[in-house]
Amino acid sequence: MPIEYQTLQQVVMERLRLDIINGVFQPGQRLIADDIAKEYSVSRMPVREALMNLEAVGLVTGTRHKGVIVNQTSAEDFVALYEIRAVLEGLAGRLACPNLSKEDILKLKELNQDMRVLEPTTLDRKFQELNREFHAIIWKATNSNRLVNILKNLHAVSSFYRNLTVHLPGRIEEICNEHEESIAAFSCKDAFKAEEAIKKHYLKTKLWLLKSNHPDLATFQQENPTKIS
């Protein structure tokens, strides 16, 4: 397969992934390859292959009668997702800690400050971009391609609930404070403290969302009260 085609397919997949994460395509929405190809100004084939790859990571599902549908994550899936992420992102923090340079740590501080001062009108898209860049620095420093790929997939699948998070009053400030705990541990080269700080960050996100007014999560909280402790 030509390198140019491979690159095009990857570009299409990344754009589709970001459009799903940023809510351009909503959960439950049907994705029509011909329409996407026209919108992206590409042929139908790289779109079809991108959709197949996105199905493999859990962002979309191919059905017999409706075609490809953007996945809807249930409340039960959400709880499991964030508990898994807490463990694996914590592991990433521990592995990355000894490898993060002074420049990396300075960049983490800069990104965290940028998140802290975001305007409400830019929260949805800009927070997603800054937050992903923040965690990508940590992922890269693990020197584990397998772990990075898993974390990228989990990050993408949890996008819908992450968008809810940033609109909860006070949550942005707390996210940045939690990031600062991780950065402080990285600065001290305390790998286990970094792991615990990051794990706590994801478990707190789960708790915030379970206490939110989103109907699916509110119902789940009422039926599973031990999950918010």
Protein backbone atom coordinates (compact mmCIF):
# COMPACT_ATOMS: atom_id res chain seq x y z
CA MET A 1 0.00 0.00 0.00
CA PRO A 2 1.50 3.39 -0.95
CA ILE A 3 2.78 5.59 1.85
CA GLU A 4 0.61 8.48 0.60
CA TYR A 5 -2.54 6.35 0.93
CA GLN A 6 -1.57 5.13 4.37
CA THR A 7 -1.07 8.73 5.45
CA LEU A 8 -4.45 9.78 4.04
CA GLN A 9 -6.22 6.95 5.83
CA GLN A 10 -4.55 7.92 9.11
CA VAL A 11 -5.45 11.59 8.62
CA VAL A 12 -9.09 10.69 7.97
CA MET A 13 -9.21 8.42 11.02
CA GLU A 14 -7.71 11.10 13.26
CA ARG A 15 -10.17 13.72 12.01
CA LEU A 16 -13.09 11.35 12.52
CA ARG A 17 -11.85 10.47 15.98
CA LEU A 18 -11.58 14.15 16.96
CA ASP A 19 -14.99 14.94 15.47
CA ILE A 20 -16.53 12.20 17.61
CA ILE A 21 -14.62 13.31 20.71
CA ASN A 22 -15.59 16.95 20.20
CA GLY A 23 -19.25 16.18 19.62
CA VAL A 24 -19.43 16.99 15.91
CA PHE A 25 -20.88 13.48 15.59
CA GLN A 26 -23.18 12.65 18.49
CA PRO A 27 -23.71 9.30 20.27
CA GLY A 28 -26.27 7.29 18.31
CA GLN A 29 -25.68 9.22 15.09
CA ARG A 30 -25.37 7.28 11.84
CA LEU A 31 -22.10 7.86 9.96
CA ILE A 32 -22.49 7.65 6.18
CA ALA A 33 -19.18 7.09 4.41
CA ASP A 34 -20.22 8.93 1.24
CA ASP A 35 -21.29 12.03 3.19
CA ILE A 36 -18.10 12.05 5.27
CA ALA A 37 -15.95 11.57 2.17
CA LYS A 38 -17.63 14.57 0.55
CA GLU A 39 -17.24 16.69 3.69
CA TYR A 40 -13.58 15.74 4.12
CA SER A 41 -12.86 16.02 0.37
CA VAL A 42 -11.47 12.50 0.12
CA SER A 43 -12.50 9.27 -1.58
CA ARG A 44 -14.83 6.78 0.08
CA MET A 45 -12.21 4.06 0.69
CA PRO A 46 -10.07 5.79 3.38
CA VAL A 47 -13.28 6.77 5.19
CA ARG A 48 -14.51 3.17 5.21
CA GLU A 49 -11.16 1.92 6.52
CA ALA A 50 -11.06 4.66 9.16
CA LEU A 51 -14.53 3.63 10.35
CA MET A 52 -13.39 0.01 10.60
CA ASN A 53 -10.43 1.06 12.74
CA LEU A 54 -12.60 3.25 14.95
CA GLU A 55 -14.93 0.30 15.47
CA ALA A 56 -11.95 -1.75 16.64
CA VAL A 57 -11.23 0.80 19.41
CA GLY A 58 -14.86 1.09 20.47
CA LEU A 59 -15.85 4.53 19.17
CA VAL A 60 -18.37 3.27 16.59
CA THR A 61 -20.33 0.10 15.87
CA GLY A 62 -21.25 -1.35 12.49
CA THR A 63 -24.81 -2.66 12.29
CA ARG A 64 -26.56 -4.68 9.60
CA HIS A 65 -29.50 -2.35 9.03
CA LYS A 66 -28.31 1.11 10.13
CA GLY A 67 -24.69 1.04 9.05
CA VAL A 68 -22.06 2.62 11.30
CA ILE A 69 -23.32 4.28 14.49
CA VAL A 70 -21.41 6.44 17.00
CA ASN A 71 -21.35 4.42 20.22
CA GLN A 72 -23.39 5.41 23.23
CA THR A 73 -21.62 4.66 26.50
CA SER A 74 -23.90 3.45 29.29
CA ALA A 75 -23.52 4.59 32.88
CA GLU A 76 -22.23 1.12 33.81
CA ASP A 77 -19.64 1.36 31.03
CA PHE A 78 -18.68 4.83 32.23
CA VAL A 79 -18.01 3.67 35.80
CA ALA A 80 -15.90 0.73 34.62
CA LEU A 81 -14.09 2.96 32.13
CA TYR A 82 -12.97 5.49 34.72
CA GLU A 83 -11.96 2.85 37.23
CA ILE A 84 -9.82 1.17 34.56
CA ARG A 85 -8.38 4.51 33.48
CA ALA A 86 -7.51 5.36 37.09
CA VAL A 87 -5.34 2.26 37.34
CA LEU A 88 -3.72 2.49 33.90
CA GLU A 89 -3.17 6.26 33.90
CA GLY A 90 -1.68 5.91 37.38
CA LEU A 91 0.66 3.23 36.04
CA ALA A 92 1.61 5.58 33.20
CA GLY A 93 2.46 8.29 35.72
CA ARG A 94 4.70 5.92 37.68
CA LEU A 95 6.51 4.70 34.57
CA ALA A 96 6.87 8.21 33.13
CA CYS A 97 8.12 9.88 36.30
CA PRO A 98 11.86 9.08 36.00
CA ASN A 99 11.84 9.91 32.28
CA LEU A 100 10.18 13.32 32.32
CA SER A 101 12.67 16.10 31.59
CA LYS A 102 12.66 19.60 33.09
CA GLU A 103 11.30 20.81 29.76
CA ASP A 104 8.48 18.26 29.95
CA ILE A 105 7.55 19.42 33.44
CA LEU A 106 7.62 23.06 32.40
CA LYS A 107 5.31 22.22 29.49
CA LEU A 108 2.93 20.40 31.84
CA LYS A 109 2.80 23.50 34.04
CA GLU A 110 2.17 25.73 31.03
CA LEU A 111 -0.64 23.55 29.69
CA ASN A 112 -2.24 23.31 33.11
CA GLN A 113 -2.22 27.09 33.48
CA ASP A 114 -3.75 27.45 30.02
CA MET A 115 -6.57 25.13 31.11
CA ARG A 116 -7.10 27.12 34.29
CA VAL A 117 -7.80 30.39 32.44
CA LEU A 118 -9.99 29.06 29.60
CA GLU A 119 -13.01 31.14 28.68
CA PRO A 120 -16.40 29.37 28.98
CA THR A 121 -16.97 29.70 25.23
CA THR A 122 -13.82 27.69 24.46
CA LEU A 123 -14.23 24.97 27.07
CA ASP A 124 -15.51 22.11 24.91
CA ARG A 125 -12.90 22.01 22.17
CA LYS A 126 -9.95 23.86 23.73
CA PHE A 127 -10.02 21.94 26.99
CA GLN A 128 -10.04 18.67 25.07
CA GLU A 129 -6.98 19.75 23.10
CA LEU A 130 -4.99 21.02 26.11
CA ASN A 131 -5.93 18.10 28.34
CA ARG A 132 -4.97 15.54 25.73
CA GLU A 133 -1.64 17.28 25.11
CA PHE A 134 -1.02 17.32 28.87
CA HIS A 135 -1.58 13.59 29.25
CA ALA A 136 0.19 12.76 25.98
CA ILE A 137 3.43 14.12 27.45
CA ILE A 138 3.07 11.66 30.32
CA TRP A 139 2.10 8.80 28.02
CA LYS A 140 5.12 9.34 25.78
CA ALA A 141 7.49 9.30 28.75
CA THR A 142 6.35 5.77 29.70
CA ASN A 143 8.34 4.41 26.73
CA SER A 144 5.58 1.81 26.33
CA ASN A 145 3.85 1.90 22.95
CA ARG A 146 1.40 -0.79 24.02
CA LEU A 147 0.28 1.17 27.09
CA VAL A 148 0.08 4.42 25.11
CA ASN A 149 -2.21 2.81 22.51
CA ILE A 150 -4.51 1.48 25.23
CA LEU A 151 -4.67 4.89 26.93
CA LYS A 152 -5.37 6.69 23.66
CA ASN A 153 -8.31 4.39 23.02
CA LEU A 154 -9.70 4.79 26.54
CA HIS A 155 -9.27 8.56 26.28
CA ALA A 156 -11.26 8.62 23.05
CA VAL A 157 -14.06 6.39 24.31
CA SER A 158 -14.58 8.55 27.43
CA SER A 159 -14.85 11.79 25.43
CA PHE A 160 -18.60 12.28 25.90
CA TYR A 161 -18.37 12.22 29.69
CA ARG A 162 -15.22 14.33 29.71
CA ASN A 163 -17.19 17.04 27.91
CA LEU A 164 -19.77 16.93 30.72
CA THR A 165 -17.04 17.28 33.34
CA VAL A 166 -15.76 20.67 32.27
CA HIS A 167 -19.21 22.25 32.64
CA LEU A 168 -19.69 21.17 36.24
CA PRO A 169 -19.26 24.27 38.48
CA GLY A 170 -15.82 24.29 40.10
CA ARG A 171 -14.55 21.20 38.29
CA ILE A 172 -12.07 22.95 35.99
CA GLU A 173 -10.33 24.52 38.96
CA GLU A 174 -10.21 21.20 40.78
CA ILE A 175 -8.88 19.41 37.69
CA CYS A 176 -6.03 21.90 37.50
CA ASN A 177 -5.34 21.50 41.22
CA GLU A 178 -5.21 17.72 40.76
CA HIS A 179 -2.85 18.17 37.82
CA GLU A 180 -0.62 20.29 40.06
CA GLU A 181 -0.35 17.41 42.53
CA SER A 182 0.89 15.17 39.73
CA ILE A 183 3.33 17.81 38.50
CA ALA A 184 4.71 18.26 42.02
CA ALA A 185 5.33 14.52 42.27
CA PHE A 186 7.03 14.51 38.87
CA SER A 187 9.23 17.42 39.94
CA CYS A 188 10.32 15.47 43.02
CA LYS A 189 10.79 12.28 40.97
CA ASP A 190 8.44 10.50 43.36
CA ALA A 191 6.99 7.86 41.03
CA PHE A 192 4.60 6.27 43.51
CA LYS A 193 3.25 9.64 44.65
CA ALA A 194 2.66 10.51 40.98
CA GLU A 195 0.80 7.25 40.48
CA GLU A 196 -1.46 7.90 43.46
CA ALA A 197 -2.11 11.52 42.45
CA ILE A 198 -3.17 10.54 38.93
CA LYS A 199 -5.26 7.62 40.14
CA LYS A 200 -7.06 9.94 42.57
CA HIS A 201 -7.65 12.44 39.74
CA TYR A 202 -9.58 9.90 37.64
CA LEU A 203 -11.56 8.52 40.55
CA LYS A 204 -12.57 12.07 41.49
CA THR A 205 -13.74 12.66 37.94
CA LYS A 206 -15.93 9.57 38.26
CA LEU A 207 -17.42 10.85 41.52
CA TRP A 208 -18.10 14.32 40.12
CA LEU A 209 -19.97 12.90 37.17
CA LEU A 210 -21.98 10.43 39.22
CA LYS A 211 -23.20 13.36 41.29
CA SER A 212 -24.07 15.40 38.21
CA ASN A 213 -27.54 16.04 36.83
CA HIS A 214 -27.02 13.91 33.72
CA PRO A 215 -30.09 11.61 33.76
CA ASP A 216 -28.25 8.36 32.97
CA LEU A 217 -25.65 8.95 35.65
CA ALA A 218 -28.14 10.21 38.23
CA THR A 219 -30.24 7.06 37.79
CA PHE A 220 -27.17 4.85 38.05
CA GLN A 221 -26.10 6.65 41.25
CA GLN A 222 -29.51 6.08 42.85
CA GLU A 223 -29.43 2.39 41.97
CA ASN A 224 -25.77 1.88 42.94
CA PRO A 225 -25.06 4.12 45.95
CA THR A 226 -21.83 2.30 46.87
CA LYS A 227 -20.29 3.41 43.57
CA ILE A 228 -20.05 7.04 44.75
CA SER A 229 -18.12 6.34 47.92
